PDB file of all heavy atoms in Angstrom:
ATOM      1  N   PHE A   1     -19.192  -0.648  -1.843  1.00  0.00           N
ATOM      2  CA  PHE A   1     -18.537   0.538  -2.057  1.00  0.00           C
ATOM      3  C   PHE A   1     -18.398   0.649  -3.606  1.00  0.00           C
ATOM      4  O   PHE A   1     -18.067  -0.608  -4.249  1.00  0.00           O
ATOM      5  CB  PHE A   1     -17.112   0.463  -1.401  1.00  0.00           C
ATOM      6  CG  PHE A   1     -16.998   0.701   0.052  1.00  0.00           C
ATOM      7  CD1 PHE A   1     -16.748  -0.415   0.865  1.00  0.00           C
ATOM      8  CD2 PHE A   1     -17.399   1.827   0.581  1.00  0.00           C
ATOM      9  CE1 PHE A   1     -16.795  -0.194   2.255  1.00  0.00           C
ATOM     10  CE2 PHE A   1     -17.326   2.075   1.938  1.00  0.00           C
ATOM     11  CZ  PHE A   1     -17.041   0.959   2.823  1.00  0.00           C
ATOM     12  N   GLU A   2     -18.449   1.785  -4.135  1.00  0.00           N
ATOM     13  CA  GLU A   2     -18.276   1.836  -5.650  1.00  0.00           C
ATOM     14  C   GLU A   2     -16.897   1.349  -6.049  1.00  0.00           C
ATOM     15  O   GLU A   2     -16.795   0.718  -7.220  1.00  0.00           O
ATOM     16  CB  GLU A   2     -18.638   3.179  -6.136  1.00  0.00           C
ATOM     17  CG  GLU A   2     -20.108   3.550  -6.052  1.00  0.00           C
ATOM     18  CD  GLU A   2     -20.622   3.964  -4.655  1.00  0.00           C
ATOM     19  OE1 GLU A   2     -19.707   4.301  -3.774  1.00  0.00           O
ATOM     20  OE2 GLU A   2     -21.743   3.710  -4.506  1.00  0.00           O
ATOM     21  N   ASN A   3     -15.815   1.689  -5.445  1.00  0.00           N
ATOM     22  CA  ASN A   3     -14.498   1.478  -5.908  1.00  0.00           C
ATOM     23  C   ASN A   3     -13.713   0.728  -5.024  1.00  0.00           C
ATOM     24  O   ASN A   3     -12.455   0.491  -5.241  1.00  0.00           O
ATOM     25  CB  ASN A   3     -13.814   2.883  -6.063  1.00  0.00           C
ATOM     26  CG  ASN A   3     -14.459   3.797  -7.068  1.00  0.00           C
ATOM     27  OD1 ASN A   3     -15.006   3.370  -8.066  1.00  0.00           O
ATOM     28  ND2 ASN A   3     -14.698   4.958  -6.759  1.00  0.00           N
ATOM     29  N   PHE A   4     -14.200   0.187  -3.924  1.00  0.00           N
ATOM     30  CA  PHE A   4     -13.415  -0.470  -2.906  1.00  0.00           C
ATOM     31  C   PHE A   4     -13.922  -1.936  -2.506  1.00  0.00           C
ATOM     32  O   PHE A   4     -15.209  -2.064  -2.638  1.00  0.00           O
ATOM     33  CB  PHE A   4     -13.263   0.302  -1.628  1.00  0.00           C
ATOM     34  CG  PHE A   4     -12.688   1.681  -1.922  1.00  0.00           C
ATOM     35  CD1 PHE A   4     -13.583   2.728  -1.806  1.00  0.00           C
ATOM     36  CD2 PHE A   4     -11.375   1.864  -2.301  1.00  0.00           C
ATOM     37  CE1 PHE A   4     -13.070   3.990  -2.172  1.00  0.00           C
ATOM     38  CE2 PHE A   4     -10.917   3.165  -2.519  1.00  0.00           C
ATOM     39  CZ  PHE A   4     -11.786   4.205  -2.460  1.00  0.00           C
ATOM     40  N   ASP A   5     -13.136  -2.725  -1.947  1.00  0.00           N
ATOM     41  CA  ASP A   5     -13.642  -4.004  -1.412  1.00  0.00           C
ATOM     42  C   ASP A   5     -13.661  -3.894   0.067  1.00  0.00           C
ATOM     43  O   ASP A   5     -12.516  -3.609   0.666  1.00  0.00           O
ATOM     44  CB  ASP A   5     -12.728  -5.169  -1.842  1.00  0.00           C
ATOM     45  CG  ASP A   5     -13.151  -6.517  -1.214  1.00  0.00           C
ATOM     46  OD1 ASP A   5     -14.285  -6.644  -0.918  1.00  0.00           O
ATOM     47  OD2 ASP A   5     -12.304  -7.460  -1.468  1.00  0.00           O
ATOM     48  N   SER A   6     -14.740  -3.972   0.637  1.00  0.00           N
ATOM     49  CA  SER A   6     -14.804  -3.836   2.227  1.00  0.00           C
ATOM     50  C   SER A   6     -14.153  -4.885   2.916  1.00  0.00           C
ATOM     51  O   SER A   6     -13.862  -4.833   4.115  1.00  0.00           O
ATOM     52  CB  SER A   6     -16.328  -3.641   2.519  1.00  0.00           C
ATOM     53  OG  SER A   6     -16.946  -4.889   2.341  1.00  0.00           O
ATOM     54  N   LYS A   7     -13.807  -6.020   2.305  1.00  0.00           N
ATOM     55  CA  LYS A   7     -13.131  -7.161   2.889  1.00  0.00           C
ATOM     56  C   LYS A   7     -11.649  -6.741   3.341  1.00  0.00           C
ATOM     57  O   LYS A   7     -11.056  -7.267   4.075  1.00  0.00           O
ATOM     58  CB  LYS A   7     -13.104  -8.392   2.042  1.00  0.00           C
ATOM     59  CG  LYS A   7     -14.453  -8.844   1.601  1.00  0.00           C
ATOM     60  CD  LYS A   7     -15.242  -9.379   2.624  1.00  0.00           C
ATOM     61  CE  LYS A   7     -16.510  -9.927   2.160  1.00  0.00           C
ATOM     62  NZ  LYS A   7     -17.738  -9.239   2.236  1.00  0.00           N
ATOM     63  N   ASN A   8     -11.086  -5.731   2.579  1.00  0.00           N
ATOM     64  CA  ASN A   8      -9.677  -5.142   2.923  1.00  0.00           C
ATOM     65  C   ASN A   8      -9.750  -4.226   3.947  1.00  0.00           C
ATOM     66  O   ASN A   8      -8.656  -3.620   4.149  1.00  0.00           O
ATOM     67  CB  ASN A   8      -9.166  -4.632   1.673  1.00  0.00           C
ATOM     68  CG  ASN A   8      -8.853  -5.711   0.677  1.00  0.00           C
ATOM     69  OD1 ASN A   8      -8.585  -6.900   0.960  1.00  0.00           O
ATOM     70  ND2 ASN A   8      -8.951  -5.291  -0.626  1.00  0.00           N
ATOM     71  N   LEU A   9     -10.858  -4.027   4.614  1.00  0.00           N
ATOM     72  CA  LEU A   9     -10.950  -3.010   5.731  1.00  0.00           C
ATOM     73  C   LEU A   9     -10.649  -3.631   7.106  1.00  0.00           C
ATOM     74  O   LEU A   9     -11.243  -4.600   7.424  1.00  0.00           O
ATOM     75  CB  LEU A   9     -12.311  -2.427   5.666  1.00  0.00           C
ATOM     76  CG  LEU A   9     -12.707  -1.346   6.724  1.00  0.00           C
ATOM     77  CD1 LEU A   9     -11.949  -0.028   6.342  1.00  0.00           C
ATOM     78  CD2 LEU A   9     -14.121  -0.976   6.642  1.00  0.00           C
ATOM     79  N   THR A  10      -9.840  -2.965   7.980  1.00  0.00           N
ATOM     80  CA  THR A  10      -9.595  -3.459   9.236  1.00  0.00           C
ATOM     81  C   THR A  10      -9.901  -2.252  10.191  1.00  0.00           C
ATOM     82  O   THR A  10      -9.552  -1.128  10.080  1.00  0.00           O
ATOM     83  CB  THR A  10      -8.080  -3.803   9.408  1.00  0.00           C
ATOM     84  OG1 THR A  10      -7.719  -4.784   8.540  1.00  0.00           O
ATOM     85  CG2 THR A  10      -7.846  -4.403  10.767  1.00  0.00           C
ATOM     86  N   ILE A  11     -10.824  -2.563  11.179  1.00  0.00           N
ATOM     87  CA  ILE A  11     -11.176  -1.706  12.184  1.00  0.00           C
ATOM     88  C   ILE A  11     -10.175  -1.771  13.313  1.00  0.00           C
ATOM     89  O   ILE A  11     -10.065  -2.804  13.932  1.00  0.00           O
ATOM     90  CB  ILE A  11     -12.529  -1.976  12.771  1.00  0.00           C
ATOM     91  CG1 ILE A  11     -13.659  -2.194  11.733  1.00  0.00           C
ATOM     92  CG2 ILE A  11     -13.023  -0.912  13.931  1.00  0.00           C
ATOM     93  CD1 ILE A  11     -13.949  -0.975  11.010  1.00  0.00           C
ATOM     94  N   VAL A  12      -9.305  -0.785  13.489  1.00  0.00           N
ATOM     95  CA  VAL A  12      -8.214  -0.752  14.348  1.00  0.00           C
ATOM     96  C   VAL A  12      -8.659  -0.535  15.855  1.00  0.00           C
ATOM     97  O   VAL A  12      -8.381  -1.199  16.726  1.00  0.00           O
ATOM     98  CB  VAL A  12      -7.037   0.153  13.927  1.00  0.00           C
ATOM     99  CG1 VAL A  12      -5.956   0.141  14.950  1.00  0.00           C
ATOM    100  CG2 VAL A  12      -6.603  -0.209  12.524  1.00  0.00           C
ATOM    101  N   ASP A  13      -9.504   0.550  15.963  1.00  0.00           N
ATOM    102  CA  ASP A  13      -9.750   0.988  17.321  1.00  0.00           C
ATOM    103  C   ASP A  13     -11.050   1.874  17.133  1.00  0.00           C
ATOM    104  O   ASP A  13     -11.435   2.543  16.170  1.00  0.00           O
ATOM    105  CB  ASP A  13      -8.658   1.935  17.811  1.00  0.00           C
ATOM    106  CG  ASP A  13      -8.863   1.944  19.481  1.00  0.00           C
ATOM    107  OD1 ASP A  13      -9.589   1.320  20.025  1.00  0.00           O
ATOM    108  OD2 ASP A  13      -8.007   2.875  19.998  1.00  0.00           O
ATOM    109  N   VAL A  14     -11.766   1.882  18.263  1.00  0.00           N
ATOM    110  CA  VAL A  14     -12.953   2.787  18.507  1.00  0.00           C
ATOM    111  C   VAL A  14     -12.769   3.558  19.633  1.00  0.00           C
ATOM    112  O   VAL A  14     -12.510   2.913  20.823  1.00  0.00           O
ATOM    113  CB  VAL A  14     -14.235   1.949  18.531  1.00  0.00           C
ATOM    114  CG1 VAL A  14     -15.430   2.921  18.847  1.00  0.00           C
ATOM    115  CG2 VAL A  14     -14.498   1.170  17.325  1.00  0.00           C
ATOM    116  N   ILE A  15     -12.870   4.913  19.597  1.00  0.00           N
ATOM    117  CA  ILE A  15     -12.760   5.739  20.779  1.00  0.00           C
ATOM    118  C   ILE A  15     -13.995   6.485  21.020  1.00  0.00           C
ATOM    119  O   ILE A  15     -14.454   7.211  20.040  1.00  0.00           O
ATOM    120  CB  ILE A  15     -11.532   6.767  20.684  1.00  0.00           C
ATOM    121  CG1 ILE A  15     -10.225   5.936  20.548  1.00  0.00           C
ATOM    122  CG2 ILE A  15     -11.415   7.687  21.873  1.00  0.00           C
ATOM    123  CD1 ILE A  15      -9.096   6.747  20.216  1.00  0.00           C
ATOM    124  N   LEU A  16     -14.548   6.442  22.133  1.00  0.00           N
ATOM    125  CA  LEU A  16     -15.878   7.015  22.514  1.00  0.00           C
ATOM    126  C   LEU A  16     -15.638   8.230  23.404  1.00  0.00           C
ATOM    127  O   LEU A  16     -14.675   8.214  24.293  1.00  0.00           O
ATOM    128  CB  LEU A  16     -16.714   6.079  23.296  1.00  0.00           C
ATOM    129  CG  LEU A  16     -17.433   5.075  22.380  1.00  0.00           C
ATOM    130  CD1 LEU A  16     -17.800   3.800  23.136  1.00  0.00           C
ATOM    131  CD2 LEU A  16     -18.700   5.654  21.744  1.00  0.00           C
ATOM    132  N   THR A  17     -16.419   9.192  23.282  1.00  0.00           N
ATOM    133  CA  THR A  17     -16.391  10.350  24.202  1.00  0.00           C
ATOM    134  C   THR A  17     -17.065   9.843  25.527  1.00  0.00           C
ATOM    135  O   THR A  17     -17.742   8.738  25.607  1.00  0.00           O
ATOM    136  CB  THR A  17     -17.307  11.485  23.617  1.00  0.00           C
ATOM    137  OG1 THR A  17     -18.591  11.074  23.388  1.00  0.00           O
ATOM    138  CG2 THR A  17     -16.725  12.068  22.504  1.00  0.00           C
ATOM    139  N   PRO A  18     -16.709  10.510  26.618  1.00  0.00           N
ATOM    140  CA  PRO A  18     -17.330  10.128  27.942  1.00  0.00           C
ATOM    141  C   PRO A  18     -18.703   9.929  28.104  1.00  0.00           C
ATOM    142  O   PRO A  18     -19.233   9.172  28.809  1.00  0.00           O
ATOM    143  CB  PRO A  18     -16.643  11.159  29.048  1.00  0.00           C
ATOM    144  CG  PRO A  18     -15.470  11.622  28.213  1.00  0.00           C
ATOM    145  CD  PRO A  18     -15.682  11.651  26.815  1.00  0.00           C
ATOM    146  N   ASP A  19     -19.517  10.808  27.279  1.00  0.00           N
ATOM    147  CA  ASP A  19     -20.906  10.683  27.442  1.00  0.00           C
ATOM    148  C   ASP A  19     -21.434   9.657  26.394  1.00  0.00           C
ATOM    149  O   ASP A  19     -22.687   9.522  26.175  1.00  0.00           O
ATOM    150  CB  ASP A  19     -21.466  11.927  27.109  1.00  0.00           C
ATOM    151  CG  ASP A  19     -21.185  12.576  25.727  1.00  0.00           C
ATOM    152  OD1 ASP A  19     -20.484  11.969  25.004  1.00  0.00           O
ATOM    153  OD2 ASP A  19     -21.645  13.687  25.457  1.00  0.00           O
ATOM    154  N   LEU A  20     -20.566   8.938  25.597  1.00  0.00           N
ATOM    155  CA  LEU A  20     -20.911   7.848  24.760  1.00  0.00           C
ATOM    156  C   LEU A  20     -21.858   8.281  23.618  1.00  0.00           C
ATOM    157  O   LEU A  20     -22.591   7.473  22.908  1.00  0.00           O
ATOM    158  CB  LEU A  20     -21.720   6.818  25.426  1.00  0.00           C
ATOM    159  CG  LEU A  20     -20.983   6.090  26.587  1.00  0.00           C
ATOM    160  CD1 LEU A  20     -21.819   4.971  27.223  1.00  0.00           C
ATOM    161  CD2 LEU A  20     -19.607   5.459  26.272  1.00  0.00           C
ATOM    162  N   LYS A  21     -21.800   9.603  23.259  1.00  0.00           N
ATOM    163  CA  LYS A  21     -22.559  10.196  22.216  1.00  0.00           C
ATOM    164  C   LYS A  21     -21.979  10.246  20.893  1.00  0.00           C
ATOM    165  O   LYS A  21     -22.412  10.289  19.818  1.00  0.00           O
ATOM    166  CB  LYS A  21     -23.125  11.658  22.330  1.00  0.00           C
ATOM    167  CG  LYS A  21     -23.881  11.734  23.712  1.00  0.00           C
ATOM    168  CD  LYS A  21     -25.203  11.518  23.504  1.00  0.00           C
ATOM    169  CE  LYS A  21     -26.037  11.696  24.734  1.00  0.00           C
ATOM    170  NZ  LYS A  21     -27.535  11.768  24.522  1.00  0.00           N
ATOM    171  N   ASN A  22     -20.433  10.195  20.821  1.00  0.00           N
ATOM    172  CA  ASN A  22     -19.726  10.305  19.640  1.00  0.00           C
ATOM    173  C   ASN A  22     -18.671   9.154  19.656  1.00  0.00           C
ATOM    174  O   ASN A  22     -17.998   8.913  20.652  1.00  0.00           O
ATOM    175  CB  ASN A  22     -19.065  11.680  19.503  1.00  0.00           C
ATOM    176  CG  ASN A  22     -19.876  12.801  19.233  1.00  0.00           C
ATOM    177  OD1 ASN A  22     -20.852  12.677  18.477  1.00  0.00           O
ATOM    178  ND2 ASN A  22     -19.921  13.803  20.195  1.00  0.00           N
ATOM    179  N   ALA A  23     -18.344   8.602  18.502  1.00  0.00           N
ATOM    180  CA  ALA A  23     -17.395   7.592  18.346  1.00  0.00           C
ATOM    181  C   ALA A  23     -16.443   7.975  17.216  1.00  0.00           C
ATOM    182  O   ALA A  23     -16.890   8.210  16.122  1.00  0.00           O
ATOM    183  CB  ALA A  23     -18.015   6.271  18.284  1.00  0.00           C
ATOM    184  N   LYS A  24     -15.180   7.793  17.478  1.00  0.00           N
ATOM    185  CA  LYS A  24     -14.145   7.926  16.353  1.00  0.00           C
ATOM    186  C   LYS A  24     -13.696   6.470  15.988  1.00  0.00           C
ATOM    187  O   LYS A  24     -13.288   5.681  16.969  1.00  0.00           O
ATOM    188  CB  LYS A  24     -12.944   8.696  16.701  1.00  0.00           C
ATOM    189  CG  LYS A  24     -13.292  10.016  17.054  1.00  0.00           C
ATOM    190  CD  LYS A  24     -11.866  10.774  17.459  1.00  0.00           C
ATOM    191  CE  LYS A  24     -12.001  12.240  17.659  1.00  0.00           C
ATOM    192  NZ  LYS A  24     -10.775  12.838  18.082  1.00  0.00           N
ATOM    193  N   ILE A  25     -13.953   6.071  14.800  1.00  0.00           N
ATOM    194  CA  ILE A  25     -13.572   4.788  14.386  1.00  0.00           C
ATOM    195  C   ILE A  25     -12.296   4.817  13.443  1.00  0.00           C
ATOM    196  O   ILE A  25     -12.375   5.480  12.397  1.00  0.00           O
ATOM    197  CB  ILE A  25     -14.777   3.972  13.704  1.00  0.00           C
ATOM    198  CG1 ILE A  25     -15.931   3.882  14.464  1.00  0.00           C
ATOM    199  CG2 ILE A  25     -14.260   2.608  13.127  1.00  0.00           C
ATOM    200  CD1 ILE A  25     -17.089   3.258  13.841  1.00  0.00           C
ATOM    201  N   PHE A  26     -11.203   4.106  13.971  1.00  0.00           N
ATOM    202  CA  PHE A  26      -9.923   4.308  13.120  1.00  0.00           C
ATOM    203  C   PHE A  26      -9.928   3.000  12.315  1.00  0.00           C
ATOM    204  O   PHE A  26     -10.077   1.877  12.891  1.00  0.00           O
ATOM    205  CB  PHE A  26      -8.743   4.354  14.108  1.00  0.00           C
ATOM    206  CG  PHE A  26      -8.769   5.609  14.899  1.00  0.00           C
ATOM    207  CD1 PHE A  26      -9.362   5.811  16.094  1.00  0.00           C
ATOM    208  CD2 PHE A  26      -7.969   6.780  14.277  1.00  0.00           C
ATOM    209  CE1 PHE A  26      -9.281   7.104  16.760  1.00  0.00           C
ATOM    210  CE2 PHE A  26      -8.024   7.997  14.837  1.00  0.00           C
ATOM    211  CZ  PHE A  26      -8.662   8.207  16.223  1.00  0.00           C
ATOM    212  N   VAL A  27      -9.570   3.206  10.927  1.00  0.00           N
ATOM    213  CA  VAL A  27      -9.628   2.036  10.144  1.00  0.00           C
ATOM    214  C   VAL A  27      -8.288   2.058   9.277  1.00  0.00           C
ATOM    215  O   VAL A  27      -7.670   3.144   9.210  1.00  0.00           O
ATOM    216  CB  VAL A  27     -10.750   2.092   9.069  1.00  0.00           C
ATOM    217  CG1 VAL A  27     -12.155   1.884   9.917  1.00  0.00           C
ATOM    218  CG2 VAL A  27     -10.850   3.260   8.258  1.00  0.00           C
ATOM    219  N   THR A  28      -7.923   0.935   8.722  1.00  0.00           N
ATOM    220  CA  THR A  28      -6.858   0.860   7.946  1.00  0.00           C
ATOM    221  C   THR A  28      -7.122  -0.031   6.715  1.00  0.00           C
ATOM    222  O   THR A  28      -8.105  -0.930   6.951  1.00  0.00           O
ATOM    223  CB  THR A  28      -5.529   0.458   8.516  1.00  0.00           C
ATOM    224  OG1 THR A  28      -4.454   0.524   7.673  1.00  0.00           O
ATOM    225  CG2 THR A  28      -5.633  -1.041   9.081  1.00  0.00           C
ATOM    226  N   THR A  29      -6.612   0.158   5.679  1.00  0.00           N
ATOM    227  CA  THR A  29      -6.860  -0.762   4.411  1.00  0.00           C
ATOM    228  C   THR A  29      -5.480  -1.260   3.797  1.00  0.00           C
ATOM    229  O   THR A  29      -4.489  -0.791   4.071  1.00  0.00           O
ATOM    230  CB  THR A  29      -7.585   0.131   3.344  1.00  0.00           C
ATOM    231  OG1 THR A  29      -6.796   1.186   2.937  1.00  0.00           O
ATOM    232  CG2 THR A  29      -8.981   0.648   3.869  1.00  0.00           C
ATOM    233  N   ASN A  30      -5.679  -2.032   2.893  1.00  0.00           N
ATOM    234  CA  ASN A  30      -4.512  -2.578   2.214  1.00  0.00           C
ATOM    235  C   ASN A  30      -3.856  -1.576   1.150  1.00  0.00           C
ATOM    236  O   ASN A  30      -2.840  -1.562   0.877  1.00  0.00           O
ATOM    237  CB  ASN A  30      -4.817  -3.953   1.502  1.00  0.00           C
ATOM    238  CG  ASN A  30      -5.021  -4.989   2.463  1.00  0.00           C
ATOM    239  OD1 ASN A  30      -4.644  -4.821   3.619  1.00  0.00           O
ATOM    240  ND2 ASN A  30      -5.652  -6.145   2.001  1.00  0.00           N
ATOM    241  N   SER A  31      -4.920  -0.767   0.651  1.00  0.00           N
ATOM    242  CA  SER A  31      -4.472   0.341  -0.325  1.00  0.00           C
ATOM    243  C   SER A  31      -4.055   1.529   0.363  1.00  0.00           C
ATOM    244  O   SER A  31      -4.849   2.258   0.929  1.00  0.00           O
ATOM    245  CB  SER A  31      -5.797   0.531  -1.208  1.00  0.00           C
ATOM    246  OG  SER A  31      -5.496   1.572  -2.007  1.00  0.00           O
ATOM    247  N   GLU A  32      -2.818   1.951   0.247  1.00  0.00           N
ATOM    248  CA  GLU A  32      -2.187   3.076   0.690  1.00  0.00           C
ATOM    249  C   GLU A  32      -2.569   4.314  -0.094  1.00  0.00           C
ATOM    250  O   GLU A  32      -2.479   5.518   0.356  1.00  0.00           O
ATOM    251  CB  GLU A  32      -0.767   2.990   0.925  1.00  0.00           C
ATOM    252  CG  GLU A  32      -0.361   2.005   1.975  1.00  0.00           C
ATOM    253  CD  GLU A  32       1.165   1.799   2.175  1.00  0.00           C
ATOM    254  OE1 GLU A  32       1.809   2.749   1.740  1.00  0.00           O
ATOM    255  OE2 GLU A  32       1.546   0.855   2.663  1.00  0.00           O
ATOM    256  N   THR A  33      -2.762   4.138  -1.465  1.00  0.00           N
ATOM    257  CA  THR A  33      -2.994   5.334  -2.270  1.00  0.00           C
ATOM    258  C   THR A  33      -4.306   5.912  -2.286  1.00  0.00           C
ATOM    259  O   THR A  33      -4.500   7.081  -2.514  1.00  0.00           O
ATOM    260  CB  THR A  33      -2.703   4.851  -3.788  1.00  0.00           C
ATOM    261  OG1 THR A  33      -3.636   3.684  -4.129  1.00  0.00           O
ATOM    262  CG2 THR A  33      -1.270   4.357  -3.989  1.00  0.00           C
ATOM    263  N   GLU A  34      -5.375   5.101  -1.958  1.00  0.00           N
ATOM    264  CA  GLU A  34      -6.763   5.719  -1.940  1.00  0.00           C
ATOM    265  C   GLU A  34      -7.436   5.918  -0.617  1.00  0.00           C
ATOM    266  O   GLU A  34      -8.575   5.922  -0.429  1.00  0.00           O
ATOM    267  CB  GLU A  34      -7.533   4.857  -2.696  1.00  0.00           C
ATOM    268  CG  GLU A  34      -7.088   4.644  -4.230  1.00  0.00           C
ATOM    269  CD  GLU A  34      -7.849   3.613  -4.971  1.00  0.00           C
ATOM    270  OE1 GLU A  34      -8.215   2.617  -4.343  1.00  0.00           O
ATOM    271  OE2 GLU A  34      -7.977   3.806  -6.140  1.00  0.00           O
ATOM    272  N   ASN A  35      -6.627   6.128   0.423  1.00  0.00           N
ATOM    273  CA  ASN A  35      -7.111   6.097   1.850  1.00  0.00           C
ATOM    274  C   ASN A  35      -7.941   7.268   2.102  1.00  0.00           C
ATOM    275  O   ASN A  35      -9.079   7.203   2.684  1.00  0.00           O
ATOM    276  CB  ASN A  35      -6.024   6.162   2.848  1.00  0.00           C
ATOM    277  CG  ASN A  35      -5.229   4.876   2.945  1.00  0.00           C
ATOM    278  OD1 ASN A  35      -5.878   3.862   2.816  1.00  0.00           O
ATOM    279  ND2 ASN A  35      -3.991   4.886   3.332  1.00  0.00           N
TER     280      ASN A  35
END
């Protein structure tokens, strides 16, 4: 990442559609200002 450290990234949850074609990936970081 140009401006971020990917080690501070946490994958919280992955929600898939019933047909498994789309996935929503919910992430959180240590930096609250640049989310």
